[in-house]
């Protein structure tokens, strides 16, 4: 079973619940600090990192970018802009494993991200 860790700065509990609801048992989900979550992905103890903050990239992905590198991280949404579905698919196909977004957009982006990851 693939594993998703939830980092980021806000809404960790509701984000984890949303992921579990969308994944329907296909992923295990665990809430961690940003550092622990990014380290789990770095050491292959987790497959994907999801994080939310108010900007979509700063507090959501800072530790993931520091430990995994920018080439493994994608800002899926930021205030006023959400990636299109084709852009999200391209990010996944390009090897992105850490996803940041604004907490306000989680209901729009998480279901699509989970469905796309399940297809991989």
C-alpha atoms as a PDB file:
ATOM      1  CA  UNK A   1       0.000   0.000   0.000  1.00  0.00           C
ATOM      2  CA  UNK A   2       1.275   3.438  -0.912  1.00  0.00           C
ATOM      3  CA  UNK A   3       1.633   5.988   1.854  1.00  0.00           C
ATOM      4  CA  UNK A   4       0.807   9.716   1.922  1.00  0.00           C
ATOM      5  CA  UNK A   5       2.172  11.977   4.634  1.00  0.00           C
ATOM      6  CA  UNK A   6       0.465  15.261   5.411  1.00  0.00           C
ATOM      7  CA  UNK A   7       2.673  18.210   6.310  1.00  0.00           C
ATOM      8  CA  UNK A   8       2.082  21.888   5.668  1.00  0.00           C
ATOM      9  CA  UNK A   9       1.088  24.596   8.065  1.00  0.00           C
ATOM     10  CA  UNK A  10      -2.704  24.473   8.307  1.00  0.00           C
ATOM     11  CA  UNK A  11      -5.726  22.195   8.131  1.00  0.00           C
ATOM     12  CA  UNK A  12      -3.701  18.997   8.538  1.00  0.00           C
ATOM     13  CA  UNK A  13      -6.523  17.041  10.183  1.00  0.00           C
ATOM     14  CA  UNK A  14      -9.195  17.984   7.647  1.00  0.00           C
ATOM     15  CA  UNK A  15      -6.729  17.451   4.790  1.00  0.00           C
ATOM     16  CA  UNK A  16      -5.905  13.944   6.043  1.00  0.00           C
ATOM     17  CA  UNK A  17      -9.623  13.153   6.361  1.00  0.00           C
ATOM     18  CA  UNK A  18     -10.260  14.375   2.811  1.00  0.00           C
ATOM     19  CA  UNK A  19      -7.392  12.277   1.437  1.00  0.00           C
ATOM     20  CA  UNK A  20      -8.666   9.185   3.258  1.00  0.00           C
ATOM     21  CA  UNK A  21     -12.174   9.783   1.944  1.00  0.00           C
ATOM     22  CA  UNK A  22     -10.973  10.169  -1.650  1.00  0.00           C
ATOM     23  CA  UNK A  23      -8.497   7.270  -1.485  1.00  0.00           C
ATOM     24  CA  UNK A  24     -11.034   4.797  -0.070  1.00  0.00           C
ATOM     25  CA  UNK A  25      -8.334   2.666   1.530  1.00  0.00           C
ATOM     26  CA  UNK A  26      -5.894   2.742  -1.399  1.00  0.00           C
ATOM     27  CA  UNK A  27      -3.377   4.862   0.541  1.00  0.00           C
ATOM     28  CA  UNK A  28      -2.417   4.999   4.165  1.00  0.00           C
ATOM     29  CA  UNK A  29      -2.390   8.575   5.456  1.00  0.00           C
ATOM     30  CA  UNK A  30      -0.427   9.991   8.370  1.00  0.00           C
ATOM     31  CA  UNK A  31      -0.120  13.528   9.748  1.00  0.00           C
ATOM     32  CA  UNK A  32       3.424  14.629  10.575  1.00  0.00           C
ATOM     33  CA  UNK A  33       5.408  17.784  11.097  1.00  0.00           C
ATOM     34  CA  UNK A  34       6.751  19.284   7.876  1.00  0.00           C
ATOM     35  CA  UNK A  35      10.246  18.036   8.600  1.00  0.00           C
ATOM     36  CA  UNK A  36       9.162  14.513   9.530  1.00  0.00           C
ATOM     37  CA  UNK A  37       6.866  14.255   6.506  1.00  0.00           C
ATOM     38  CA  UNK A  38       9.534  15.400   4.058  1.00  0.00           C
ATOM     39  CA  UNK A  39      12.093  13.093   5.661  1.00  0.00           C
ATOM     40  CA  UNK A  40       9.711  10.150   5.319  1.00  0.00           C
ATOM     41  CA  UNK A  41       9.406  10.797   1.586  1.00  0.00           C
ATOM     42  CA  UNK A  42      13.158  11.368   1.263  1.00  0.00           C
ATOM     43  CA  UNK A  43      13.923   8.031   2.956  1.00  0.00           C
ATOM     44  CA  UNK A  44      11.201   6.217   0.978  1.00  0.00           C
ATOM     45  CA  UNK A  45       9.119   5.541   4.095  1.00  0.00           C
ATOM     46  CA  UNK A  46       6.313   7.447   2.360  1.00  0.00           C
ATOM     47  CA  UNK A  47       5.460   7.840  -1.299  1.00  0.00           C
ATOM     48  CA  UNK A  48       3.794  11.258  -1.425  1.00  0.00           C
ATOM     49  CA  UNK A  49       3.677  14.500   0.567  1.00  0.00           C
ATOM     50  CA  UNK A  50       0.607  16.738   0.697  1.00  0.00           C
ATOM     51  CA  UNK A  51       0.675  20.117   2.416  1.00  0.00           C
ATOM     52  CA  UNK A  52      -1.559  23.152   2.710  1.00  0.00           C
ATOM     53  CA  UNK A  53      -0.909  26.744   3.695  1.00  0.00           C
ATOM     54  CA  UNK A  54      -2.256  30.174   2.791  1.00  0.00           C
ATOM     55  CA  UNK A  55       0.024  30.624  -0.249  1.00  0.00           C
ATOM     56  CA  UNK A  56       0.222  27.058  -1.577  1.00  0.00           C
ATOM     57  CA  UNK A  57       4.006  26.971  -1.753  1.00  0.00           C
ATOM     58  CA  UNK A  58       5.632  28.578   1.270  1.00  0.00           C
ATOM     59  CA  UNK A  59       4.501  26.830   4.427  1.00  0.00           C
ATOM     60  CA  UNK A  60       3.005  23.968   2.448  1.00  0.00           C
ATOM     61  CA  UNK A  61       6.223  22.924   0.707  1.00  0.00           C
ATOM     62  CA  UNK A  62       9.225  24.647   2.294  1.00  0.00           C
ATOM     63  CA  UNK A  63      10.642  21.554   4.007  1.00  0.00           C
ATOM     64  CA  UNK A  64       9.770  19.297   1.079  1.00  0.00           C
ATOM     65  CA  UNK A  65      11.633  21.603  -1.305  1.00  0.00           C
ATOM     66  CA  UNK A  66      14.607  21.753   1.060  1.00  0.00           C
ATOM     67  CA  UNK A  67      14.878  17.973   1.447  1.00  0.00           C
ATOM     68  CA  UNK A  68      13.514  16.606  -1.816  1.00  0.00           C
ATOM     69  CA  UNK A  69      14.465  19.383  -4.215  1.00  0.00           C
ATOM     70  CA  UNK A  70      12.292  21.678  -6.270  1.00  0.00           C
ATOM     71  CA  UNK A  71      12.148  19.110  -9.076  1.00  0.00           C
ATOM     72  CA  UNK A  72      10.089  16.774  -6.859  1.00  0.00           C
ATOM     73  CA  UNK A  73       7.630  19.426  -5.630  1.00  0.00           C
ATOM     74  CA  UNK A  74       4.660  21.155  -7.244  1.00  0.00           C
ATOM     75  CA  UNK A  75       2.560  24.089  -6.108  1.00  0.00           C
ATOM     76  CA  UNK A  76      -0.857  22.980  -7.292  1.00  0.00           C
ATOM     77  CA  UNK A  77      -2.696  26.113  -6.255  1.00  0.00           C
ATOM     78  CA  UNK A  78      -1.969  29.559  -4.936  1.00  0.00           C
ATOM     79  CA  UNK A  79      -4.327  32.428  -4.144  1.00  0.00           C
ATOM     80  CA  UNK A  80      -6.362  33.105  -7.261  1.00  0.00           C
ATOM     81  CA  UNK A  81      -4.861  30.311  -9.393  1.00  0.00           C
ATOM     82  CA  UNK A  82      -5.354  26.557  -9.536  1.00  0.00           C
ATOM     83  CA  UNK A  83      -3.486  24.357 -11.997  1.00  0.00           C
ATOM     84  CA  UNK A  84      -5.592  22.817 -14.707  1.00  0.00           C
ATOM     85  CA  UNK A  85      -6.150  19.069 -14.617  1.00  0.00           C
ATOM     86  CA  UNK A  86      -3.772  18.611 -17.542  1.00  0.00           C
ATOM     87  CA  UNK A  87      -1.086  20.600 -15.704  1.00  0.00           C
ATOM     88  CA  UNK A  88      -1.525  18.444 -12.582  1.00  0.00           C
ATOM     89  CA  UNK A  89      -1.232  15.271 -14.636  1.00  0.00           C
ATOM     90  CA  UNK A  90       1.921  16.631 -16.292  1.00  0.00           C
ATOM     91  CA  UNK A  91       3.453  17.345 -12.877  1.00  0.00           C
ATOM     92  CA  UNK A  92       2.767  13.789 -11.721  1.00  0.00           C
ATOM     93  CA  UNK A  93       4.167  12.333 -14.946  1.00  0.00           C
ATOM     94  CA  UNK A  94       7.254  14.518 -14.488  1.00  0.00           C
ATOM     95  CA  UNK A  95       7.971  12.828 -11.162  1.00  0.00           C
ATOM     96  CA  UNK A  96       6.510  15.272  -8.659  1.00  0.00           C
ATOM     97  CA  UNK A  97       5.817  13.561  -5.337  1.00  0.00           C
ATOM     98  CA  UNK A  98       5.203  16.537  -3.029  1.00  0.00           C
ATOM     99  CA  UNK A  99       2.142  18.702  -3.581  1.00  0.00           C
ATOM    100  CA  UNK A 100       1.322  22.038  -2.001  1.00  0.00           C
ATOM    101  CA  UNK A 101      -1.862  24.044  -2.293  1.00  0.00           C
ATOM    102  CA  UNK A 102      -3.913  26.610  -0.460  1.00  0.00           C
ATOM    103  CA  UNK A 103      -6.187  25.192   2.201  1.00  0.00           C
ATOM    104  CA  UNK A 104      -9.147  26.882   0.503  1.00  0.00           C
ATOM    105  CA  UNK A 105      -8.557  24.811  -2.643  1.00  0.00           C
ATOM    106  CA  UNK A 106      -8.124  21.391  -1.055  1.00  0.00           C
ATOM    107  CA  UNK A 107     -11.677  20.288  -1.882  1.00  0.00           C
ATOM    108  CA  UNK A 108     -10.999  20.996  -5.568  1.00  0.00           C
ATOM    109  CA  UNK A 109      -7.469  19.627  -5.965  1.00  0.00           C
ATOM    110  CA  UNK A 110      -7.202  16.649  -3.596  1.00  0.00           C
ATOM    111  CA  UNK A 111      -9.870  14.451  -5.239  1.00  0.00           C
ATOM    112  CA  UNK A 112      -8.243  14.926  -8.632  1.00  0.00           C
ATOM    113  CA  UNK A 113      -4.702  14.366  -7.314  1.00  0.00           C
ATOM    114  CA  UNK A 114      -5.731  11.169  -5.538  1.00  0.00           C
ATOM    115  CA  UNK A 115      -7.544   9.832  -8.613  1.00  0.00           C
ATOM    116  CA  UNK A 116      -4.526  10.643 -10.782  1.00  0.00           C
ATOM    117  CA  UNK A 117      -2.056   9.016  -8.377  1.00  0.00           C
ATOM    118  CA  UNK A 118      -4.213   5.896  -8.267  1.00  0.00           C
ATOM    119  CA  UNK A 119      -3.878   5.636 -12.038  1.00  0.00           C
ATOM    120  CA  UNK A 120      -0.071   5.660 -11.860  1.00  0.00           C
END
